[in-house]
Amino acid sequence: MYVEVRNNDLNGALKLLKKLVYKERILIEYKQHMQYEKPSEKRRRKRAEAVLRRKKLEQEANELSNY
């Protein structure tokens, strides 16, 4: 991951980095690996992630069909 600092605007670059890290779910995955997750919680999380993926794909398909 790469963030360019322009005009010595370190705060703007940090804000952009945080946004990219959140979008890529890097911290979420890191925290998940740091502690034990019960099998039932894992299934619940997997289902929720599948729903989010499906909504994202449907949204992208709708955006493409609008063009």
PDB file of N, CA and C in Angstrom:
ATOM      1  N   MET A   1       0.851  -1.157   0.000  1.00  0.00           N
ATOM      2  CA  MET A   1       0.000   0.000   0.000  1.00  0.00           C
ATOM      3  C   MET A   1       0.902   1.226   0.000  1.00  0.00           C
ATOM      4  N   TYR A   2       0.527   2.229  -0.766  1.00  0.00           N
ATOM      5  CA  TYR A   2       1.381   3.387  -0.959  1.00  0.00           C
ATOM      6  C   TYR A   2       0.533   4.649  -0.898  1.00  0.00           C
ATOM      7  N   VAL A   3       0.944   5.622  -0.099  1.00  0.00           N
ATOM      8  CA  VAL A   3       0.275   6.912  -0.008  1.00  0.00           C
ATOM      9  C   VAL A   3       1.321   7.993  -0.208  1.00  0.00           C
ATOM     10  N   GLU A   4       1.068   8.875  -1.128  1.00  0.00           N
ATOM     11  CA  GLU A   4       2.018   9.939  -1.444  1.00  0.00           C
ATOM     12  C   GLU A   4       1.687  11.190  -0.634  1.00  0.00           C
ATOM     13  N   VAL A   5       2.709  11.784  -0.031  1.00  0.00           N
ATOM     14  CA  VAL A   5       2.542  13.025   0.719  1.00  0.00           C
ATOM     15  C   VAL A   5       2.801  14.176  -0.236  1.00  0.00           C
ATOM     16  N   ARG A   6       1.811  15.040  -0.384  1.00  0.00           N
ATOM     17  CA  ARG A   6       1.946  16.173  -1.298  1.00  0.00           C
ATOM     18  C   ARG A   6       1.972  17.476  -0.511  1.00  0.00           C
ATOM     19  N   ASN A   7       2.840  18.362  -0.887  1.00  0.00           N
ATOM     20  CA  ASN A   7       2.965  19.690  -0.275  1.00  0.00           C
ATOM     21  C   ASN A   7       3.129  19.606   1.243  1.00  0.00           C
ATOM     22  N   ASN A   8       3.857  18.620   1.711  1.00  0.00           N
ATOM     23  CA  ASN A   8       4.103  18.424   3.143  1.00  0.00           C
ATOM     24  C   ASN A   8       2.821  18.324   3.961  1.00  0.00           C
ATOM     25  N   ASP A   9       1.758  17.839   3.343  1.00  0.00           N
ATOM     26  CA  ASP A   9       0.465  17.671   4.023  1.00  0.00           C
ATOM     27  C   ASP A   9       0.400  16.272   4.625  1.00  0.00           C
ATOM     28  N   LEU A  10       1.058  16.120   5.766  1.00  0.00           N
ATOM     29  CA  LEU A  10       1.119  14.826   6.423  1.00  0.00           C
ATOM     30  C   LEU A  10      -0.240  14.397   6.970  1.00  0.00           C
ATOM     31  N   ASN A  11      -1.027  15.341   7.466  1.00  0.00           N
ATOM     32  CA  ASN A  11      -2.349  15.008   8.003  1.00  0.00           C
ATOM     33  C   ASN A  11      -3.268  14.458   6.911  1.00  0.00           C
ATOM     34  N   GLY A  12      -3.215  15.051   5.739  1.00  0.00           N
ATOM     35  CA  GLY A  12      -4.037  14.572   4.627  1.00  0.00           C
ATOM     36  C   GLY A  12      -3.614  13.177   4.188  1.00  0.00           C
ATOM     37  N   ALA A  13      -2.304  12.943   4.164  1.00  0.00           N
ATOM     38  CA  ALA A  13      -1.802  11.624   3.769  1.00  0.00           C
ATOM     39  C   ALA A  13      -2.186  10.571   4.804  1.00  0.00           C
ATOM     40  N   LEU A  14      -2.117  10.927   6.081  1.00  0.00           N
ATOM     41  CA  LEU A  14      -2.504   9.994   7.131  1.00  0.00           C
ATOM     42  C   LEU A  14      -3.992   9.673   7.053  1.00  0.00           C
ATOM     43  N   LYS A  15      -4.797  10.670   6.775  1.00  0.00           N
ATOM     44  CA  LYS A  15      -6.241  10.473   6.629  1.00  0.00           C
ATOM     45  C   LYS A  15      -6.530   9.525   5.470  1.00  0.00           C
ATOM     46  N   LEU A  16      -5.822   9.708   4.365  1.00  0.00           N
ATOM     47  CA  LEU A  16      -5.995   8.837   3.210  1.00  0.00           C
ATOM     48  C   LEU A  16      -5.544   7.413   3.519  1.00  0.00           C
ATOM     49  N   LEU A  17      -4.449   7.276   4.242  1.00  0.00           N
ATOM     50  CA  LEU A  17      -3.957   5.949   4.625  1.00  0.00           C
ATOM     51  C   LEU A  17      -4.976   5.231   5.504  1.00  0.00           C
ATOM     52  N   LYS A  18      -5.520   5.933   6.479  1.00  0.00           N
ATOM     53  CA  LYS A  18      -6.535   5.333   7.346  1.00  0.00           C
ATOM     54  C   LYS A  18      -7.750   4.877   6.548  1.00  0.00           C
ATOM     55  N   LYS A  19      -8.149   5.684   5.573  1.00  0.00           N
ATOM     56  CA  LYS A  19      -9.298   5.327   4.740  1.00  0.00           C
ATOM     57  C   LYS A  19      -9.006   4.075   3.920  1.00  0.00           C
ATOM     58  N   LEU A  20      -7.794   3.978   3.372  1.00  0.00           N
ATOM     59  CA  LEU A  20      -7.424   2.805   2.589  1.00  0.00           C
ATOM     60  C   LEU A  20      -7.340   1.558   3.452  1.00  0.00           C
ATOM     61  N   VAL A  21      -6.781   1.684   4.657  1.00  0.00           N
ATOM     62  CA  VAL A  21      -6.671   0.550   5.568  1.00  0.00           C
ATOM     63  C   VAL A  21      -8.060   0.066   5.968  1.00  0.00           C
ATOM     64  N   TYR A  22      -8.964   1.004   6.235  1.00  0.00           N
ATOM     65  CA  TYR A  22     -10.335   0.631   6.597  1.00  0.00           C
ATOM     66  C   TYR A  22     -11.032  -0.067   5.431  1.00  0.00           C
ATOM     67  N   LYS A  23     -10.854   0.472   4.240  1.00  0.00           N
ATOM     68  CA  LYS A  23     -11.518  -0.094   3.067  1.00  0.00           C
ATOM     69  C   LYS A  23     -11.004  -1.502   2.760  1.00  0.00           C
ATOM     70  N   GLU A  24      -9.721  -1.737   2.955  1.00  0.00           N
ATOM     71  CA  GLU A  24      -9.134  -3.045   2.686  1.00  0.00           C
ATOM     72  C   GLU A  24      -9.327  -4.014   3.845  1.00  0.00           C
ATOM     73  N   ARG A  25      -9.884  -3.546   4.962  1.00  0.00           N
ATOM     74  CA  ARG A  25     -10.206  -4.373   6.127  1.00  0.00           C
ATOM     75  C   ARG A  25      -8.963  -5.014   6.744  1.00  0.00           C
ATOM     76  N   ILE A  26      -7.837  -4.335   6.664  1.00  0.00           N
ATOM     77  CA  ILE A  26      -6.577  -4.868   7.170  1.00  0.00           C
ATOM     78  C   ILE A  26      -6.605  -4.988   8.691  1.00  0.00           C
ATOM     79  N   LEU A  27      -7.035  -3.929   9.375  1.00  0.00           N
ATOM     80  CA  LEU A  27      -7.055  -3.968  10.836  1.00  0.00           C
ATOM     81  C   LEU A  27      -8.068  -4.969  11.369  1.00  0.00           C
ATOM     82  N   ILE A  28      -9.180  -5.105  10.697  1.00  0.00           N
ATOM     83  CA  ILE A  28     -10.203  -6.059  11.127  1.00  0.00           C
ATOM     84  C   ILE A  28      -9.644  -7.476  11.082  1.00  0.00           C
ATOM     85  N   GLU A  29      -8.973  -7.809   9.990  1.00  0.00           N
ATOM     86  CA  GLU A  29      -8.384  -9.138   9.876  1.00  0.00           C
ATOM     87  C   GLU A  29      -7.287  -9.343  10.915  1.00  0.00           C
ATOM     88  N   TYR A  30      -6.511  -8.321  11.178  1.00  0.00           N
ATOM     89  CA  TYR A  30      -5.446  -8.428  12.168  1.00  0.00           C
ATOM     90  C   TYR A  30      -6.030  -8.717  13.550  1.00  0.00           C
ATOM     91  N   LYS A  31      -7.072  -8.000  13.915  1.00  0.00           N
ATOM     92  CA  LYS A  31      -7.693  -8.199  15.225  1.00  0.00           C
ATOM     93  C   LYS A  31      -8.329  -9.577  15.329  1.00  0.00           C
ATOM     94  N   GLN A  32      -8.867 -10.077  14.222  1.00  0.00           N
ATOM     95  CA  GLN A  32      -9.476 -11.401  14.232  1.00  0.00           C
ATOM     96  C   GLN A  32      -8.428 -12.480  14.503  1.00  0.00           C
ATOM     97  N   HIS A  33      -7.234 -12.305  14.010  1.00  0.00           N
ATOM     98  CA  HIS A  33      -6.184 -13.297  14.209  1.00  0.00           C
ATOM     99  C   HIS A  33      -5.551 -13.195  15.592  1.00  0.00           C
ATOM    100  N   MET A  34      -5.782 -12.105  16.292  1.00  0.00           N
ATOM    101  CA  MET A  34      -5.170 -11.908  17.592  1.00  0.00           C
ATOM    102  C   MET A  34      -5.918 -12.631  18.720  1.00  0.00           C
ATOM    103  N   GLN A  35      -7.155 -13.020  18.483  1.00  0.00           N
ATOM    104  CA  GLN A  35      -7.908 -13.681  19.538  1.00  0.00           C
ATOM    105  C   GLN A  35      -8.684 -14.861  18.972  1.00  0.00           C
ATOM    106  N   TYR A  36      -9.042 -15.775  19.850  1.00  0.00           N
ATOM    107  CA  TYR A  36      -9.766 -16.970  19.440  1.00  0.00           C
ATOM    108  C   TYR A  36     -11.190 -16.606  19.067  1.00  0.00           C
ATOM    109  N   GLU A  37     -11.677 -17.234  18.021  1.00  0.00           N
ATOM    110  CA  GLU A  37     -13.046 -17.003  17.568  1.00  0.00           C
ATOM    111  C   GLU A  37     -13.792 -18.332  17.603  1.00  0.00           C
ATOM    112  N   LYS A  38     -14.894 -18.341  18.324  1.00  0.00           N
ATOM    113  CA  LYS A  38     -15.682 -19.559  18.428  1.00  0.00           C
ATOM    114  C   LYS A  38     -16.232 -19.926  17.051  1.00  0.00           C
ATOM    115  N   PRO A  39     -16.443 -21.222  16.784  1.00  0.00           N
ATOM    116  CA  PRO A  39     -16.952 -21.644  15.483  1.00  0.00           C
ATOM    117  C   PRO A  39     -18.288 -20.990  15.114  1.00  0.00           C
ATOM    118  N   SER A  40     -19.175 -20.824  16.093  1.00  0.00           N
ATOM    119  CA  SER A  40     -20.463 -20.199  15.796  1.00  0.00           C
ATOM    120  C   SER A  40     -20.279 -18.731  15.396  1.00  0.00           C
ATOM    121  N   GLU A  41     -19.348 -18.044  16.051  1.00  0.00           N
ATOM    122  CA  GLU A  41     -19.068 -16.652  15.692  1.00  0.00           C
ATOM    123  C   GLU A  41     -18.435 -16.568  14.306  1.00  0.00           C
ATOM    124  N   LYS A  42     -17.596 -17.536  13.988  1.00  0.00           N
ATOM    125  CA  LYS A  42     -16.956 -17.564  12.680  1.00  0.00           C
ATOM    126  C   LYS A  42     -17.993 -17.732  11.572  1.00  0.00           C
ATOM    127  N   ARG A  43     -18.960 -18.646  11.789  1.00  0.00           N
ATOM    128  CA  ARG A  43     -20.016 -18.849  10.792  1.00  0.00           C
ATOM    129  C   ARG A  43     -20.844 -17.582  10.615  1.00  0.00           C
ATOM    130  N   ARG A  44     -21.168 -16.931  11.722  1.00  0.00           N
ATOM    131  CA  ARG A  44     -21.960 -15.702  11.659  1.00  0.00           C
ATOM    132  C   ARG A  44     -21.211 -14.620  10.886  1.00  0.00           C
ATOM    133  N   ARG A  45     -19.915 -14.496  11.155  1.00  0.00           N
ATOM    134  CA  ARG A  45     -19.096 -13.502  10.466  1.00  0.00           C
ATOM    135  C   ARG A  45     -18.992 -13.799   8.981  1.00  0.00           C
ATOM    136  N   LYS A  46     -18.807 -15.087   8.653  1.00  0.00           N
ATOM    137  CA  LYS A  46     -18.693 -15.475   7.243  1.00  0.00           C
ATOM    138  C   LYS A  46     -19.981 -15.145   6.489  1.00  0.00           C
ATOM    139  N   ARG A  47     -21.137 -15.426   7.125  1.00  0.00           N
ATOM    140  CA  ARG A  47     -22.420 -15.105   6.483  1.00  0.00           C
ATOM    141  C   ARG A  47     -22.551 -13.609   6.252  1.00  0.00           C
ATOM    142  N   ALA A  48     -22.176 -12.814   7.247  1.00  0.00           N
ATOM    143  CA  ALA A  48     -22.271 -11.363   7.116  1.00  0.00           C
ATOM    144  C   ALA A  48     -21.343 -10.847   6.012  1.00  0.00           C
ATOM    145  N   GLU A  49     -20.159 -11.416   5.923  1.00  0.00           N
ATOM    146  CA  GLU A  49     -19.230 -11.011   4.863  1.00  0.00           C
ATOM    147  C   GLU A  49     -19.775 -11.375   3.489  1.00  0.00           C
ATOM    148  N   ALA A  50     -20.425 -12.525   3.384  1.00  0.00           N
ATOM    149  CA  ALA A  50     -21.005 -12.949   2.111  1.00  0.00           C
ATOM    150  C   ALA A  50     -22.109 -11.985   1.687  1.00  0.00           C
ATOM    151  N   VAL A  51     -22.901 -11.547   2.647  1.00  0.00           N
ATOM    152  CA  VAL A  51     -23.971 -10.588   2.339  1.00  0.00           C
ATOM    153  C   VAL A  51     -23.367  -9.283   1.828  1.00  0.00           C
ATOM    154  N   LEU A  52     -22.311  -8.808   2.499  1.00  0.00           N
ATOM    155  CA  LEU A  52     -21.665  -7.571   2.064  1.00  0.00           C
ATOM    156  C   LEU A  52     -21.056  -7.711   0.671  1.00  0.00           C
ATOM    157  N   ARG A  53     -20.424  -8.850   0.400  1.00  0.00           N
ATOM    158  CA  ARG A  53     -19.852  -9.076  -0.934  1.00  0.00           C
ATOM    159  C   ARG A  53     -20.944  -9.069  -1.994  1.00  0.00           C
ATOM    160  N   ARG A  54     -22.044  -9.734  -1.696  1.00  0.00           N
ATOM    161  CA  ARG A  54     -23.133  -9.822  -2.666  1.00  0.00           C
ATOM    162  C   ARG A  54     -23.723  -8.440  -2.949  1.00  0.00           C
ATOM    163  N   LYS A  55     -23.925  -7.629  -1.895  1.00  0.00           N
ATOM    164  CA  LYS A  55     -24.448  -6.276  -2.087  1.00  0.00           C
ATOM    165  C   LYS A  55     -23.488  -5.440  -2.928  1.00  0.00           C
ATOM    166  N   LYS A  56     -22.195  -5.608  -2.668  1.00  0.00           N
ATOM    167  CA  LYS A  56     -21.195  -4.858  -3.416  1.00  0.00           C
ATOM    168  C   LYS A  56     -21.226  -5.243  -4.903  1.00  0.00           C
ATOM    169  N   LEU A  57     -21.313  -6.543  -5.180  1.00  0.00           N
ATOM    170  CA  LEU A  57     -21.373  -6.994  -6.567  1.00  0.00           C
ATOM    171  C   LEU A  57     -22.637  -6.504  -7.261  1.00  0.00           C
ATOM    172  N   GLU A  58     -23.761  -6.543  -6.553  1.00  0.00           N
ATOM    173  CA  GLU A  58     -25.012  -6.059  -7.136  1.00  0.00           C
ATOM    174  C   GLU A  58     -24.936  -4.567  -7.413  1.00  0.00           C
ATOM    175  N   GLN A  59     -24.319  -3.803  -6.499  1.00  0.00           N
ATOM    176  CA  GLN A  59     -24.181  -2.374  -6.690  1.00  0.00           C
ATOM    177  C   GLN A  59     -23.298  -2.074  -7.900  1.00  0.00           C
ATOM    178  N   GLU A  60     -22.205  -2.809  -8.051  1.00  0.00           N
ATOM    179  CA  GLU A  60     -21.323  -2.609  -9.193  1.00  0.00           C
ATOM    180  C   GLU A  60     -22.034  -2.976 -10.488  1.00  0.00           C
ATOM    181  N   ALA A  61     -22.831  -4.040 -10.476  1.00  0.00           N
ATOM    182  CA  ALA A  61     -23.567  -4.438 -11.677  1.00  0.00           C
ATOM    183  C   ALA A  61     -24.590  -3.363 -12.039  1.00  0.00           C
ATOM    184  N   ASN A  62     -25.242  -2.780 -11.041  1.00  0.00           N
ATOM    185  CA  ASN A  62     -26.208  -1.721 -11.312  1.00  0.00           C
ATOM    186  C   ASN A  62     -25.522  -0.481 -11.867  1.00  0.00           C
ATOM    187  N   GLU A  63     -24.351  -0.159 -11.358  1.00  0.00           N
ATOM    188  CA  GLU A  63     -23.623   1.004 -11.866  1.00  0.00           C
ATOM    189  C   GLU A  63     -23.207   0.786 -13.313  1.00  0.00           C
ATOM    190  N   LEU A  64     -22.791  -0.417 -13.648  1.00  0.00           N
ATOM    191  CA  LEU A  64     -22.376  -0.711 -15.024  1.00  0.00           C
ATOM    192  C   LEU A  64     -23.566  -0.690 -15.973  1.00  0.00           C
ATOM    193  N   SER A  65     -24.713  -1.140 -15.506  1.00  0.00           N
ATOM    194  CA  SER A  65     -25.892  -1.177 -16.373  1.00  0.00           C
ATOM    195  C   SER A  65     -26.455   0.213 -16.612  1.00  0.00           C
ATOM    196  N   ASN A  66     -26.121   1.176 -15.746  1.00  0.00           N
ATOM    197  CA  ASN A  66     -26.614   2.554 -15.909  1.00  0.00           C
ATOM    198  C   ASN A  66     -25.868   3.303 -17.011  1.00  0.00           C
ATOM    199  N   TYR A  67     -24.720   2.816 -17.422  1.00  0.00           N
ATOM    200  CA  TYR A  67     -23.947   3.502 -18.450  1.00  0.00           C
ATOM    201  C   TYR A  67     -24.421   3.181 -19.800  1.00  0.00           C
TER     202      TYR A  67
END
